[in-house]
Amino acid sequence: MADVYGAVGRRKTSIARVRMKTGPGAITVNDKPMTEYFSRETLKGIVRQPFEVTSTIGKYDVIASVAGGGESGQAGAVRHGIARTLCMADATFRGVLKKAGLLTRDPRMKERKKYGQKGARKRFQFSKR
């Protein structure tokens, strides 16, 4: 039986549980093929990025379940999870993935709205008179 590796990836408010095993390279997200789940081509590229960096396209099957956030955050979470599982599969990938910045959880979050303002930064128009 093939080894199965699992990891959790996060981005914004999205959390992806990723399982990876050796196979023809099928990527499944929430029981749908990745090409069907993510609408934009850029998001599909984001998900494939760890495989391109490590030259392992078509060597591993990925099954991911994602919850929370929007499409972009979910793609980032899946990418983070795939990068982590690749490290478990082969420790030599760690340096390459780290240099590409794929093992670091992106800390950028939405800034909260402040009271007395229109948004996080935008304020109501100031009138001197």
C-alpha atoms as a PDB file:
ATOM      1  CA  MET A   1       0.000   0.000   0.000  1.00  0.00           C
ATOM      2  CA  ALA A   2       1.154   3.537  -0.804  1.00  0.00           C
ATOM      3  CA  ASP A   3       2.181   5.860   1.992  1.00  0.00           C
ATOM      4  CA  VAL A   4      -0.424   8.474   2.834  1.00  0.00           C
ATOM      5  CA  TYR A   5       0.681  11.853   4.149  1.00  0.00           C
ATOM      6  CA  GLY A   6      -1.597  14.403   5.782  1.00  0.00           C
ATOM      7  CA  ALA A   7      -1.292  18.045   6.787  1.00  0.00           C
ATOM      8  CA  VAL A   8      -3.332  21.155   7.464  1.00  0.00           C
ATOM      9  CA  GLY A   9      -2.947  24.343   5.429  1.00  0.00           C
ATOM     10  CA  ARG A  10      -4.315  27.761   6.376  1.00  0.00           C
ATOM     11  CA  ARG A  11      -4.817  31.132   4.653  1.00  0.00           C
ATOM     12  CA  LYS A  12      -7.009  34.056   5.779  1.00  0.00           C
ATOM     13  CA  THR A  13     -10.064  32.300   7.296  1.00  0.00           C
ATOM     14  CA  SER A  14      -9.765  29.118   5.195  1.00  0.00           C
ATOM     15  CA  ILE A  15      -8.584  25.783   6.555  1.00  0.00           C
ATOM     16  CA  ALA A  16      -7.632  22.891   4.260  1.00  0.00           C
ATOM     17  CA  ARG A  17      -7.087  19.305   5.387  1.00  0.00           C
ATOM     18  CA  VAL A  18      -4.837  17.733   2.758  1.00  0.00           C
ATOM     19  CA  ARG A  19      -4.078  14.031   2.229  1.00  0.00           C
ATOM     20  CA  MET A  20      -1.491  12.972  -0.337  1.00  0.00           C
ATOM     21  CA  LYS A  21      -0.434   9.589  -1.751  1.00  0.00           C
ATOM     22  CA  THR A  22       1.586   8.407  -4.741  1.00  0.00           C
ATOM     23  CA  GLY A  23      -0.491   8.308  -7.902  1.00  0.00           C
ATOM     24  CA  PRO A  24      -1.094   9.775 -11.371  1.00  0.00           C
ATOM     25  CA  GLY A  25      -1.465  13.365 -10.084  1.00  0.00           C
ATOM     26  CA  ALA A  26      -5.211  13.820  -9.594  1.00  0.00           C
ATOM     27  CA  ILE A  27      -6.075  16.778  -7.350  1.00  0.00           C
ATOM     28  CA  THR A  28      -9.505  16.590  -5.690  1.00  0.00           C
ATOM     29  CA  VAL A  29     -10.956  19.432  -3.607  1.00  0.00           C
ATOM     30  CA  ASN A  30     -14.198  18.831  -1.655  1.00  0.00           C
ATOM     31  CA  ASP A  31     -15.001  15.717  -3.761  1.00  0.00           C
ATOM     32  CA  LYS A  32     -14.652  17.655  -7.039  1.00  0.00           C
ATOM     33  CA  PRO A  33     -11.717  17.792  -9.475  1.00  0.00           C
ATOM     34  CA  MET A  34      -9.590  20.879  -8.844  1.00  0.00           C
ATOM     35  CA  THR A  35     -10.265  22.193 -12.374  1.00  0.00           C
ATOM     36  CA  GLU A  36     -13.997  22.138 -11.604  1.00  0.00           C
ATOM     37  CA  TYR A  37     -13.762  23.500  -8.038  1.00  0.00           C
ATOM     38  CA  PHE A  38     -11.582  26.558  -8.753  1.00  0.00           C
ATOM     39  CA  SER A  39     -12.955  28.780 -11.505  1.00  0.00           C
ATOM     40  CA  ARG A  40      -9.963  31.058 -12.219  1.00  0.00           C
ATOM     41  CA  GLU A  41      -6.819  29.775 -13.906  1.00  0.00           C
ATOM     42  CA  THR A  42      -4.618  31.729 -11.458  1.00  0.00           C
ATOM     43  CA  LEU A  43      -6.102  29.808  -8.512  1.00  0.00           C
ATOM     44  CA  LYS A  44      -5.405  26.483 -10.242  1.00  0.00           C
ATOM     45  CA  GLY A  45      -1.814  27.654 -10.745  1.00  0.00           C
ATOM     46  CA  ILE A  46      -1.537  28.551  -7.051  1.00  0.00           C
ATOM     47  CA  VAL A  47      -2.608  25.019  -6.073  1.00  0.00           C
ATOM     48  CA  ARG A  48      -0.103  23.425  -8.510  1.00  0.00           C
ATOM     49  CA  GLN A  49       2.790  25.668  -7.394  1.00  0.00           C
ATOM     50  CA  PRO A  50       4.380  23.299  -4.806  1.00  0.00           C
ATOM     51  CA  PHE A  51       4.544  20.519  -7.428  1.00  0.00           C
ATOM     52  CA  GLU A  52       6.108  22.857 -10.023  1.00  0.00           C
ATOM     53  CA  VAL A  53       8.756  24.064  -7.542  1.00  0.00           C
ATOM     54  CA  THR A  54       9.723  20.486  -6.552  1.00  0.00           C
ATOM     55  CA  SER A  55       9.323  19.030 -10.110  1.00  0.00           C
ATOM     56  CA  THR A  56       6.819  16.413  -8.903  1.00  0.00           C
ATOM     57  CA  ILE A  57       3.886  17.121 -11.250  1.00  0.00           C
ATOM     58  CA  GLY A  58       1.954  13.882 -11.841  1.00  0.00           C
ATOM     59  CA  LYS A  59       3.624  11.918  -9.025  1.00  0.00           C
ATOM     60  CA  TYR A  60       1.129  12.411  -6.195  1.00  0.00           C
ATOM     61  CA  ASP A  61      -2.662  12.290  -5.811  1.00  0.00           C
ATOM     62  CA  VAL A  62      -4.127  14.969  -3.549  1.00  0.00           C
ATOM     63  CA  ILE A  63      -7.433  14.829  -1.677  1.00  0.00           C
ATOM     64  CA  ALA A  64      -8.260  18.088   0.090  1.00  0.00           C
ATOM     65  CA  SER A  65     -11.266  19.212   2.096  1.00  0.00           C
ATOM     66  CA  VAL A  66     -11.522  22.973   2.523  1.00  0.00           C
ATOM     67  CA  ALA A  67     -13.809  25.043   4.743  1.00  0.00           C
ATOM     68  CA  GLY A  68     -14.229  28.762   5.362  1.00  0.00           C
ATOM     69  CA  GLY A  69     -13.209  31.868   3.468  1.00  0.00           C
ATOM     70  CA  GLY A  70     -13.478  32.565  -0.232  1.00  0.00           C
ATOM     71  CA  GLU A  71     -12.000  31.031  -3.354  1.00  0.00           C
ATOM     72  CA  SER A  72      -8.619  32.774  -3.146  1.00  0.00           C
ATOM     73  CA  GLY A  73      -8.097  31.949   0.535  1.00  0.00           C
ATOM     74  CA  GLN A  74      -9.087  28.344  -0.056  1.00  0.00           C
ATOM     75  CA  ALA A  75      -6.593  27.989  -2.918  1.00  0.00           C
ATOM     76  CA  GLY A  76      -3.863  29.401  -0.667  1.00  0.00           C
ATOM     77  CA  ALA A  77      -4.816  27.014   2.133  1.00  0.00           C
ATOM     78  CA  VAL A  78      -4.653  24.012  -0.205  1.00  0.00           C
ATOM     79  CA  ARG A  79      -1.240  25.185  -1.481  1.00  0.00           C
ATOM     80  CA  HIS A  80       0.056  25.477   2.102  1.00  0.00           C
ATOM     81  CA  GLY A  81      -1.239  21.984   2.930  1.00  0.00           C
ATOM     82  CA  ILE A  82       0.298  20.433  -0.205  1.00  0.00           C
ATOM     83  CA  ALA A  83       3.678  22.042   0.557  1.00  0.00           C
ATOM     84  CA  ARG A  84       3.587  20.618   4.090  1.00  0.00           C
ATOM     85  CA  THR A  85       2.709  17.119   2.876  1.00  0.00           C
ATOM     86  CA  LEU A  86       5.507  17.219   0.280  1.00  0.00           C
ATOM     87  CA  CYS A  87       7.957  17.879   3.142  1.00  0.00           C
ATOM     88  CA  MET A  88       6.674  14.767   4.890  1.00  0.00           C
ATOM     89  CA  ALA A  89       6.955  12.696   1.713  1.00  0.00           C
ATOM     90  CA  ASP A  90      10.547  13.758   1.000  1.00  0.00           C
ATOM     91  CA  ALA A  91      12.647  15.809   3.430  1.00  0.00           C
ATOM     92  CA  THR A  92      14.924  17.051   0.618  1.00  0.00           C
ATOM     93  CA  PHE A  93      12.055  19.229  -0.711  1.00  0.00           C
ATOM     94  CA  ARG A  94      12.053  21.328   2.475  1.00  0.00           C
ATOM     95  CA  GLY A  95      14.803  23.735   1.391  1.00  0.00           C
ATOM     96  CA  VAL A  96      13.285  24.322  -2.053  1.00  0.00           C
ATOM     97  CA  LEU A  97       9.774  24.885  -0.664  1.00  0.00           C
ATOM     98  CA  LYS A  98      11.059  27.151   2.116  1.00  0.00           C
ATOM     99  CA  LYS A  99      13.037  29.274  -0.363  1.00  0.00           C
ATOM    100  CA  ALA A 100       9.891  29.647  -2.498  1.00  0.00           C
ATOM    101  CA  GLY A 101       8.005  30.745   0.648  1.00  0.00           C
ATOM    102  CA  LEU A 102       5.433  27.963   0.459  1.00  0.00           C
ATOM    103  CA  LEU A 103       5.902  26.604   3.995  1.00  0.00           C
ATOM    104  CA  THR A 104       5.154  29.928   5.686  1.00  0.00           C
ATOM    105  CA  ARG A 105       1.535  30.539   6.660  1.00  0.00           C
ATOM    106  CA  ASP A 106       0.484  33.868   5.146  1.00  0.00           C
ATOM    107  CA  PRO A 107      -0.327  36.016   8.209  1.00  0.00           C
ATOM    108  CA  ARG A 108      -2.287  38.692   6.334  1.00  0.00           C
ATOM    109  CA  MET A 109      -5.859  38.958   7.590  1.00  0.00           C
ATOM    110  CA  LYS A 110      -8.725  41.341   7.008  1.00  0.00           C
ATOM    111  CA  GLU A 111      -8.503  44.377   9.282  1.00  0.00           C
ATOM    112  CA  ARG A 112     -11.514  44.929  11.484  1.00  0.00           C
ATOM    113  CA  LYS A 113     -13.906  47.841  11.046  1.00  0.00           C
ATOM    114  CA  LYS A 114     -13.479  50.574  13.669  1.00  0.00           C
ATOM    115  CA  TYR A 115     -16.367  52.386  15.368  1.00  0.00           C
ATOM    116  CA  GLY A 116     -17.073  55.919  14.176  1.00  0.00           C
ATOM    117  CA  GLN A 117     -15.621  55.072  10.779  1.00  0.00           C
ATOM    118  CA  LYS A 118     -16.966  53.779   7.499  1.00  0.00           C
ATOM    119  CA  GLY A 119     -14.563  50.821   7.364  1.00  0.00           C
ATOM    120  CA  ALA A 120     -11.191  49.656   8.624  1.00  0.00           C
ATOM    121  CA  ARG A 121      -9.367  52.711   7.267  1.00  0.00           C
ATOM    122  CA  LYS A 122     -11.973  54.827   5.454  1.00  0.00           C
ATOM    123  CA  ARG A 123     -13.502  57.624   7.467  1.00  0.00           C
ATOM    124  CA  PHE A 124     -16.567  59.777   7.012  1.00  0.00           C
ATOM    125  CA  GLN A 125     -15.925  63.039   5.187  1.00  0.00           C
ATOM    126  CA  PHE A 126     -14.489  65.739   7.451  1.00  0.00           C
ATOM    127  CA  SER A 127     -16.141  69.141   7.392  1.00  0.00           C
ATOM    128  CA  LYS A 128     -14.440  72.067   9.109  1.00  0.00           C
ATOM    129  CA  ARG A 129     -17.540  74.301   8.900  1.00  0.00           C
END
